[in-house]
PDB file of N, CA and C in Angstrom:
ATOM      1  N   UNK A   1      17.249  -6.551  -9.318  1.00  0.00           N
ATOM      2  CA  UNK A   1      16.187  -7.747  -9.185  1.00  0.00           C
ATOM      3  C   UNK A   1      14.831  -7.260  -8.806  1.00  0.00           C
ATOM      4  N   UNK A   2      13.719  -7.952  -9.260  1.00  0.00           N
ATOM      5  CA  UNK A   2      12.339  -7.555  -8.755  1.00  0.00           C
ATOM      6  C   UNK A   2      11.899  -8.867  -7.800  1.00  0.00           C
ATOM      7  N   UNK A   3      11.299  -8.546  -7.041  1.00  0.00           N
ATOM      8  CA  UNK A   3      10.501  -9.537  -5.875  1.00  0.00           C
ATOM      9  C   UNK A   3       9.288  -8.867  -5.282  1.00  0.00           C
ATOM     10  N   UNK A   4       8.432  -9.828  -5.211  1.00  0.00           N
ATOM     11  CA  UNK A   4       7.079  -9.706  -4.426  1.00  0.00           C
ATOM     12  C   UNK A   4       7.104  -9.785  -2.920  1.00  0.00           C
ATOM     13  N   UNK A   5       6.743  -8.661  -2.249  1.00  0.00           N
ATOM     14  CA  UNK A   5       6.684  -8.397  -0.878  1.00  0.00           C
ATOM     15  C   UNK A   5       5.212  -7.913  -0.570  1.00  0.00           C
ATOM     16  N   UNK A   6       5.238  -8.240   0.851  1.00  0.00           N
ATOM     17  CA  UNK A   6       3.749  -8.122   1.489  1.00  0.00           C
ATOM     18  C   UNK A   6       4.089  -7.354   2.897  1.00  0.00           C
ATOM     19  N   UNK A   7       3.145  -6.293   3.044  1.00  0.00           N
ATOM     20  CA  UNK A   7       3.494  -5.518   4.154  1.00  0.00           C
ATOM     21  C   UNK A   7       1.807  -5.574   4.887  1.00  0.00           C
ATOM     22  N   UNK A   8       2.037  -5.401   6.334  1.00  0.00           N
ATOM     23  CA  UNK A   8       1.008  -4.999   6.790  1.00  0.00           C
ATOM     24  C   UNK A   8       1.106  -3.817   7.066  1.00  0.00           C
ATOM     25  N   UNK A   9      -0.396  -3.309   7.128  1.00  0.00           N
ATOM     26  CA  UNK A   9      -0.630  -1.664   7.073  1.00  0.00           C
ATOM     27  C   UNK A   9      -2.094  -1.413   7.501  1.00  0.00           C
ATOM     28  N   UNK A  10      -2.207  -0.191   7.666  1.00  0.00           N
ATOM     29  CA  UNK A  10      -3.504   0.542   8.144  1.00  0.00           C
ATOM     30  C   UNK A  10      -4.191   1.591   7.206  1.00  0.00           C
ATOM     31  N   UNK A  11      -5.127   1.218   6.549  1.00  0.00           N
ATOM     32  CA  UNK A  11      -5.914   1.996   5.797  1.00  0.00           C
ATOM     33  C   UNK A  11      -6.755   3.296   6.646  1.00  0.00           C
ATOM     34  N   UNK A  12      -6.234   4.396   6.507  1.00  0.00           N
ATOM     35  CA  UNK A  12      -6.837   5.462   7.247  1.00  0.00           C
ATOM     36  C   UNK A  12      -7.675   6.550   6.597  1.00  0.00           C
ATOM     37  N   UNK A  13      -8.788   6.699   6.800  1.00  0.00           N
ATOM     38  CA  UNK A  13      -9.459   7.738   5.917  1.00  0.00           C
ATOM     39  C   UNK A  13     -11.081   7.874   6.875  1.00  0.00           C
ATOM     40  N   UNK A  14     -11.684   9.074   6.185  1.00  0.00           N
ATOM     41  CA  UNK A  14     -12.884   9.243   6.481  1.00  0.00           C
ATOM     42  C   UNK A  14     -13.394   8.883   7.725  1.00  0.00           C
ATOM     43  N   UNK A  15     -12.617   9.118   8.800  1.00  0.00           N
ATOM     44  CA  UNK A  15     -12.739   9.144  10.390  1.00  0.00           C
ATOM     45  C   UNK A  15     -12.762   7.615  10.820  1.00  0.00           C
ATOM     46  N   UNK A  16     -12.154   6.806   9.707  1.00  0.00           N
ATOM     47  CA  UNK A  16     -12.057   4.954   9.801  1.00  0.00           C
ATOM     48  C   UNK A  16     -10.513   4.653  10.026  1.00  0.00           C
ATOM     49  N   UNK A  17     -10.277   3.577  10.349  1.00  0.00           N
ATOM     50  CA  UNK A  17      -8.793   2.780  10.194  1.00  0.00           C
ATOM     51  C   UNK A  17      -9.429   1.541  10.084  1.00  0.00           C
ATOM     52  N   UNK A  18      -8.665   0.827   9.185  1.00  0.00           N
ATOM     53  CA  UNK A  18      -8.806  -0.785   9.111  1.00  0.00           C
ATOM     54  C   UNK A  18      -7.328  -1.499   8.574  1.00  0.00           C
ATOM     55  N   UNK A  19      -7.340  -2.787   9.173  1.00  0.00           N
ATOM     56  CA  UNK A  19      -5.837  -3.171   8.914  1.00  0.00           C
ATOM     57  C   UNK A  19      -6.230  -3.817   7.500  1.00  0.00           C
ATOM     58  N   UNK A  20      -5.032  -4.085   6.991  1.00  0.00           N
ATOM     59  CA  UNK A  20      -4.759  -4.260   5.399  1.00  0.00           C
ATOM     60  C   UNK A  20      -3.405  -5.187   5.398  1.00  0.00           C
ATOM     61  N   UNK A  21      -3.434  -5.725   4.281  1.00  0.00           N
ATOM     62  CA  UNK A  21      -2.110  -6.488   3.866  1.00  0.00           C
ATOM     63  C   UNK A  21      -2.096  -5.677   2.624  1.00  0.00           C
ATOM     64  N   UNK A  22      -0.519  -5.478   2.193  1.00  0.00           N
ATOM     65  CA  UNK A  22      -0.338  -4.836   0.995  1.00  0.00           C
ATOM     66  C   UNK A  22       0.768  -5.592   0.104  1.00  0.00           C
ATOM     67  N   UNK A  23       0.411  -5.737  -0.867  1.00  0.00           N
ATOM     68  CA  UNK A  23       1.360  -6.485  -1.994  1.00  0.00           C
ATOM     69  C   UNK A  23       2.293  -5.507  -2.998  1.00  0.00           C
ATOM     70  N   UNK A  24       3.474  -5.402  -2.842  1.00  0.00           N
ATOM     71  CA  UNK A  24       4.338  -4.419  -3.562  1.00  0.00           C
ATOM     72  C   UNK A  24       5.292  -5.179  -4.211  1.00  0.00           C
ATOM     73  N   UNK A  25       5.785  -4.609  -5.512  1.00  0.00           N
ATOM     74  CA  UNK A  25       7.141  -5.035  -6.263  1.00  0.00           C
ATOM     75  C   UNK A  25       8.427  -4.591  -5.431  1.00  0.00           C
ATOM     76  N   UNK A  26       9.390  -5.176  -4.919  1.00  0.00           N
ATOM     77  CA  UNK A  26      10.390  -4.529  -4.625  1.00  0.00           C
ATOM     78  C   UNK A  26      11.735  -4.907  -5.487  1.00  0.00           C
ATOM     79  N   UNK A  27      12.401  -3.450  -5.994  1.00  0.00           N
ATOM     80  CA  UNK A  27      13.393  -3.492  -7.003  1.00  0.00           C
ATOM     81  C   UNK A  27      14.821  -3.151  -6.144  1.00  0.00           C
ATOM     82  N   UNK A  28      15.702  -4.162  -6.455  1.00  0.00           N
ATOM     83  CA  UNK A  28      16.727  -3.638  -6.027  1.00  0.00           C
ATOM     84  C   UNK A  28      17.811  -3.448  -6.987  1.00  0.00           C
ATOM     85  N   UNK A  29      18.884  -2.816  -6.842  1.00  0.00           N
ATOM     86  CA  UNK A  29      19.827  -2.844  -8.366  1.00  0.00           C
ATOM     87  C   UNK A  29      21.260  -3.685  -8.148  1.00  0.00           C
ATOM     88  N   UNK A  30      21.271  -4.416  -8.990  1.00  0.00           N
ATOM     89  CA  UNK A  30      22.291  -5.257  -9.058  1.00  0.00           C
ATOM     90  C   UNK A  30      23.807  -4.906  -9.053  1.00  0.00           C
ATOM     91  N   UNK A  31      23.999  -3.398  -9.761  1.00  0.00           N
ATOM     92  CA  UNK A  31      24.937  -3.153  -9.762  1.00  0.00           C
ATOM     93  C   UNK A  31      25.588  -2.104  -8.437  1.00  0.00           C
ATOM     94  N   UNK A  32      24.510  -1.980  -7.277  1.00  0.00           N
ATOM     95  CA  UNK A  32      25.081  -1.221  -6.178  1.00  0.00           C
ATOM     96  C   UNK A  32      24.266  -2.129  -5.018  1.00  0.00           C
ATOM     97  N   UNK A  33      25.031  -3.036  -4.378  1.00  0.00           N
ATOM     98  CA  UNK A  33      23.813  -3.734  -3.387  1.00  0.00           C
ATOM     99  C   UNK A  33      23.666  -2.855  -2.253  1.00  0.00           C
ATOM    100  N   UNK A  34      24.442  -1.724  -2.110  1.00  0.00           N
ATOM    101  CA  UNK A  34      24.228  -0.743  -0.770  1.00  0.00           C
ATOM    102  C   UNK A  34      23.162   0.351  -0.950  1.00  0.00           C
ATOM    103  N   UNK A  35      22.692   0.135  -2.591  1.00  0.00           N
ATOM    104  CA  UNK A  35      21.236   1.118  -2.425  1.00  0.00           C
ATOM    105  C   UNK A  35      20.376   0.933  -1.906  1.00  0.00           C
ATOM    106  N   UNK A  36      19.329   1.925  -1.622  1.00  0.00           N
ATOM    107  CA  UNK A  36      17.997   1.417  -0.881  1.00  0.00           C
ATOM    108  C   UNK A  36      16.977   0.921  -1.820  1.00  0.00           C
ATOM    109  N   UNK A  37      16.323  -0.070  -1.468  1.00  0.00           N
ATOM    110  CA  UNK A  37      15.303  -0.753  -2.497  1.00  0.00           C
ATOM    111  C   UNK A  37      14.136   0.209  -2.978  1.00  0.00           C
ATOM    112  N   UNK A  38      13.593  -0.031  -3.951  1.00  0.00           N
ATOM    113  CA  UNK A  38      12.500   0.775  -4.361  1.00  0.00           C
ATOM    114  C   UNK A  38      11.275   0.244  -4.332  1.00  0.00           C
ATOM    115  N   UNK A  39      10.092   0.611  -4.167  1.00  0.00           N
ATOM    116  CA  UNK A  39       8.721  -0.130  -4.059  1.00  0.00           C
ATOM    117  C   UNK A  39       7.996   0.328  -4.823  1.00  0.00           C
ATOM    118  N   UNK A  40       7.072  -0.153  -5.570  1.00  0.00           N
ATOM    119  CA  UNK A  40       5.983   0.001  -6.472  1.00  0.00           C
ATOM    120  C   UNK A  40       5.153  -1.085  -6.681  1.00  0.00           C
ATOM    121  N   UNK A  41       4.048  -0.857  -7.450  1.00  0.00           N
ATOM    122  CA  UNK A  41       2.957  -1.467  -7.942  1.00  0.00           C
ATOM    123  C   UNK A  41       2.217  -1.939  -6.898  1.00  0.00           C
ATOM    124  N   UNK A  42       1.932  -1.163  -5.897  1.00  0.00           N
ATOM    125  CA  UNK A  42       1.019  -1.222  -4.461  1.00  0.00           C
ATOM    126  C   UNK A  42      -0.290  -1.917  -4.917  1.00  0.00           C
ATOM    127  N   UNK A  43      -0.604  -2.654  -3.836  1.00  0.00           N
ATOM    128  CA  UNK A  43      -2.327  -3.259  -3.848  1.00  0.00           C
ATOM    129  C   UNK A  43      -2.676  -3.941  -3.028  1.00  0.00           C
ATOM    130  N   UNK A  44      -3.708  -3.582  -2.347  1.00  0.00           N
ATOM    131  CA  UNK A  44      -4.334  -4.108  -1.339  1.00  0.00           C
ATOM    132  C   UNK A  44      -5.015  -5.631  -1.453  1.00  0.00           C
ATOM    133  N   UNK A  45      -4.373  -6.536  -0.700  1.00  0.00           N
ATOM    134  CA  UNK A  45      -4.904  -7.986  -1.041  1.00  0.00           C
ATOM    135  C   UNK A  45      -5.778  -8.242  -0.096  1.00  0.00           C
ATOM    136  N   UNK A  46      -6.309  -7.437   0.926  1.00  0.00           N
ATOM    137  CA  UNK A  46      -7.291  -7.662   2.032  1.00  0.00           C
ATOM    138  C   UNK A  46      -8.449  -6.987   1.522  1.00  0.00           C
ATOM    139  N   UNK A  47      -9.732  -7.945   1.151  1.00  0.00           N
ATOM    140  CA  UNK A  47     -10.810  -7.569   0.786  1.00  0.00           C
ATOM    141  C   UNK A  47     -11.686  -6.931   1.580  1.00  0.00           C
ATOM    142  N   UNK A  48     -11.508  -7.365   2.815  1.00  0.00           N
ATOM    143  CA  UNK A  48     -12.370  -6.968   4.037  1.00  0.00           C
ATOM    144  C   UNK A  48     -12.008  -5.552   4.056  1.00  0.00           C
ATOM    145  N   UNK A  49     -11.049  -4.784   3.840  1.00  0.00           N
ATOM    146  CA  UNK A  49     -10.930  -3.365   4.053  1.00  0.00           C
ATOM    147  C   UNK A  49     -11.995  -2.765   2.980  1.00  0.00           C
ATOM    148  N   UNK A  50     -11.979  -3.306   1.706  1.00  0.00           N
ATOM    149  CA  UNK A  50     -12.693  -2.546   0.971  1.00  0.00           C
ATOM    150  C   UNK A  50     -14.088  -2.291   1.301  1.00  0.00           C
ATOM    151  N   UNK A  51     -14.792  -3.054   1.960  1.00  0.00           N
ATOM    152  CA  UNK A  51     -15.948  -3.074   2.178  1.00  0.00           C
ATOM    153  C   UNK A  51     -16.268  -2.247   3.293  1.00  0.00           C
ATOM    154  N   UNK A  52     -15.477  -2.114   4.386  1.00  0.00           N
ATOM    155  CA  UNK A  52     -15.709  -1.351   5.656  1.00  0.00           C
ATOM    156  C   UNK A  52     -15.695   0.018   5.545  1.00  0.00           C
ATOM    157  N   UNK A  53     -14.571   0.699   4.556  1.00  0.00           N
ATOM    158  CA  UNK A  53     -14.548   1.866   4.767  1.00  0.00           C
ATOM    159  C   UNK A  53     -15.464   2.700   3.235  1.00  0.00           C
ATOM    160  N   UNK A  54     -15.887   4.048   3.701  1.00  0.00           N
ATOM    161  CA  UNK A  54     -16.816   4.826   2.631  1.00  0.00           C
ATOM    162  C   UNK A  54     -15.590   5.290   1.540  1.00  0.00           C
ATOM    163  N   UNK A  55     -16.236   5.261   0.460  1.00  0.00           N
ATOM    164  CA  UNK A  55     -15.267   6.208  -0.595  1.00  0.00           C
ATOM    165  C   UNK A  55     -14.764   7.424  -0.136  1.00  0.00           C
ATOM    166  N   UNK A  56     -13.770   8.077  -0.750  1.00  0.00           N
ATOM    167  CA  UNK A  56     -13.055   9.114  -0.275  1.00  0.00           C
ATOM    168  C   UNK A  56     -11.305   8.821  -0.352  1.00  0.00           C
ATOM    169  N   UNK A  57     -10.646  10.050   0.280  1.00  0.00           N
ATOM    170  CA  UNK A  57      -9.545  10.119   0.018  1.00  0.00           C
ATOM    171  C   UNK A  57      -9.107   9.364   1.551  1.00  0.00           C
ATOM    172  N   UNK A  58      -7.719   8.619   1.255  1.00  0.00           N
ATOM    173  CA  UNK A  58      -7.238   7.597   2.508  1.00  0.00           C
ATOM    174  C   UNK A  58      -5.861   7.987   2.396  1.00  0.00           C
ATOM    175  N   UNK A  59      -5.140   7.113   3.275  1.00  0.00           N
ATOM    176  CA  UNK A  59      -3.643   6.943   3.267  1.00  0.00           C
ATOM    177  C   UNK A  59      -3.647   5.471   3.971  1.00  0.00           C
ATOM    178  N   UNK A  60      -2.377   4.728   3.384  1.00  0.00           N
ATOM    179  CA  UNK A  60      -2.320   3.514   3.886  1.00  0.00           C
ATOM    180  C   UNK A  60      -0.796   3.640   4.510  1.00  0.00           C
ATOM    181  N   UNK A  61      -0.871   3.463   5.960  1.00  0.00           N
ATOM    182  CA  UNK A  61       0.327   3.487   6.551  1.00  0.00           C
ATOM    183  C   UNK A  61       0.804   2.170   6.675  1.00  0.00           C
ATOM    184  N   UNK A  62       2.005   1.993   6.194  1.00  0.00           N
ATOM    185  CA  UNK A  62       2.932   0.382   6.298  1.00  0.00           C
ATOM    186  C   UNK A  62       3.919   0.185   7.195  1.00  0.00           C
ATOM    187  N   UNK A  63       3.936  -0.826   7.576  1.00  0.00           N
ATOM    188  CA  UNK A  63       5.066  -1.672   8.552  1.00  0.00           C
ATOM    189  C   UNK A  63       6.435  -1.040   8.080  1.00  0.00           C
ATOM    190  N   UNK A  64       6.842  -0.790   6.885  1.00  0.00           N
ATOM    191  CA  UNK A  64       7.871  -0.435   6.369  1.00  0.00           C
ATOM    192  C   UNK A  64       8.532   1.001   6.788  1.00  0.00           C
ATOM    193  N   UNK A  65       7.279   1.798   7.048  1.00  0.00           N
ATOM    194  CA  UNK A  65       7.407   3.414   7.537  1.00  0.00           C
ATOM    195  C   UNK A  65       7.084   3.989   6.416  1.00  0.00           C
ATOM    196  N   UNK A  66       6.680   3.397   5.227  1.00  0.00           N
ATOM    197  CA  UNK A  66       5.954   4.467   4.105  1.00  0.00           C
ATOM    198  C   UNK A  66       4.596   4.760   4.385  1.00  0.00           C
ATOM    199  N   UNK A  67       4.385   5.708   3.880  1.00  0.00           N
ATOM    200  CA  UNK A  67       2.916   6.145   4.005  1.00  0.00           C
ATOM    201  C   UNK A  67       2.427   6.527   2.600  1.00  0.00           C
ATOM    202  N   UNK A  68       1.535   6.029   2.032  1.00  0.00           N
ATOM    203  CA  UNK A  68       0.880   6.009   0.537  1.00  0.00           C
ATOM    204  C   UNK A  68      -0.308   6.697   0.689  1.00  0.00           C
ATOM    205  N   UNK A  69      -0.813   7.969  -0.094  1.00  0.00           N
ATOM    206  CA  UNK A  69      -1.967   8.520  -0.445  1.00  0.00           C
ATOM    207  C   UNK A  69      -2.940   7.770  -1.566  1.00  0.00           C
ATOM    208  N   UNK A  70      -4.179   7.464  -1.053  1.00  0.00           N
ATOM    209  CA  UNK A  70      -4.931   6.909  -2.280  1.00  0.00           C
ATOM    210  C   UNK A  70      -6.381   7.388  -2.367  1.00  0.00           C
ATOM    211  N   UNK A  71      -7.299   7.147  -2.815  1.00  0.00           N
ATOM    212  CA  UNK A  71      -8.377   7.317  -2.875  1.00  0.00           C
ATOM    213  C   UNK A  71      -9.477   6.233  -3.283  1.00  0.00           C
ATOM    214  N   UNK A  72     -10.533   5.715  -2.353  1.00  0.00           N
ATOM    215  CA  UNK A  72     -11.113   4.526  -2.598  1.00  0.00           C
ATOM    216  C   UNK A  72     -12.451   5.013  -3.426  1.00  0.00           C
ATOM    217  N   UNK A  73     -12.887   4.448  -4.406  1.00  0.00           N
ATOM    218  CA  UNK A  73     -13.738   4.451  -5.046  1.00  0.00           C
ATOM    219  C   UNK A  73     -14.491   3.260  -5.712  1.00  0.00           C
ATOM    220  N   UNK A  74     -15.604   3.234  -4.986  1.00  0.00           N
ATOM    221  CA  UNK A  74     -16.452   1.913  -5.464  1.00  0.00           C
ATOM    222  C   UNK A  74     -15.690   0.624  -5.201  1.00  0.00           C
ATOM    223  N   UNK A  75     -14.724   0.593  -4.160  1.00  0.00           N
ATOM    224  CA  UNK A  75     -14.625  -0.461  -3.727  1.00  0.00           C
ATOM    225  C   UNK A  75     -12.837  -0.662  -4.280  1.00  0.00           C
ATOM    226  N   UNK A  76     -12.404   0.270  -5.328  1.00  0.00           N
ATOM    227  CA  UNK A  76     -11.399   0.123  -5.613  1.00  0.00           C
ATOM    228  C   UNK A  76     -10.511   1.170  -5.174  1.00  0.00           C
ATOM    229  N   UNK A  77      -9.304   1.070  -4.979  1.00  0.00           N
ATOM    230  CA  UNK A  77      -8.116   1.763  -4.442  1.00  0.00           C
ATOM    231  C   UNK A  77      -7.426   2.493  -5.722  1.00  0.00           C
ATOM    232  N   UNK A  78      -6.904   3.813  -5.721  1.00  0.00           N
ATOM    233  CA  UNK A  78      -6.347   4.710  -6.733  1.00  0.00           C
ATOM    234  C   UNK A  78      -5.343   5.398  -6.414  1.00  0.00           C
ATOM    235  N   UNK A  79      -4.113   4.725  -6.689  1.00  0.00           N
ATOM    236  CA  UNK A  79      -2.991   5.219  -5.711  1.00  0.00           C
ATOM    237  C   UNK A  79      -2.601   6.488  -6.467  1.00  0.00           C
ATOM    238  N   UNK A  80      -1.829   7.338  -5.459  1.00  0.00           N
ATOM    239  CA  UNK A  80      -1.416   8.822  -5.820  1.00  0.00           C
ATOM    240  C   UNK A  80       0.154   8.812  -5.217  1.00  0.00           C
ATOM    241  N   UNK A  81       1.295   7.922  -5.905  1.00  0.00           N
ATOM    242  CA  UNK A  81       2.253   7.828  -5.439  1.00  0.00           C
ATOM    243  C   UNK A  81       3.100   8.980  -5.996  1.00  0.00           C
TER     244      UNK A  81
END
């Protein structure tokens, strides 16, 4: 089963940090309800974050404990999952 979920997060990079909201796809297996969910298709939905940070490498620290590496280039995040 797939569903869209939202996480609070913090974007950290180039000596800056900015709070953000991240949208992701959560996938669970119907055959094994005890299996941990998988998350994919991350997207920053907080546009203020893209304006405040300079281009460069950064990490997104999510409230669910995940840490995602990415690169900010011209206001767009390129994910390195």
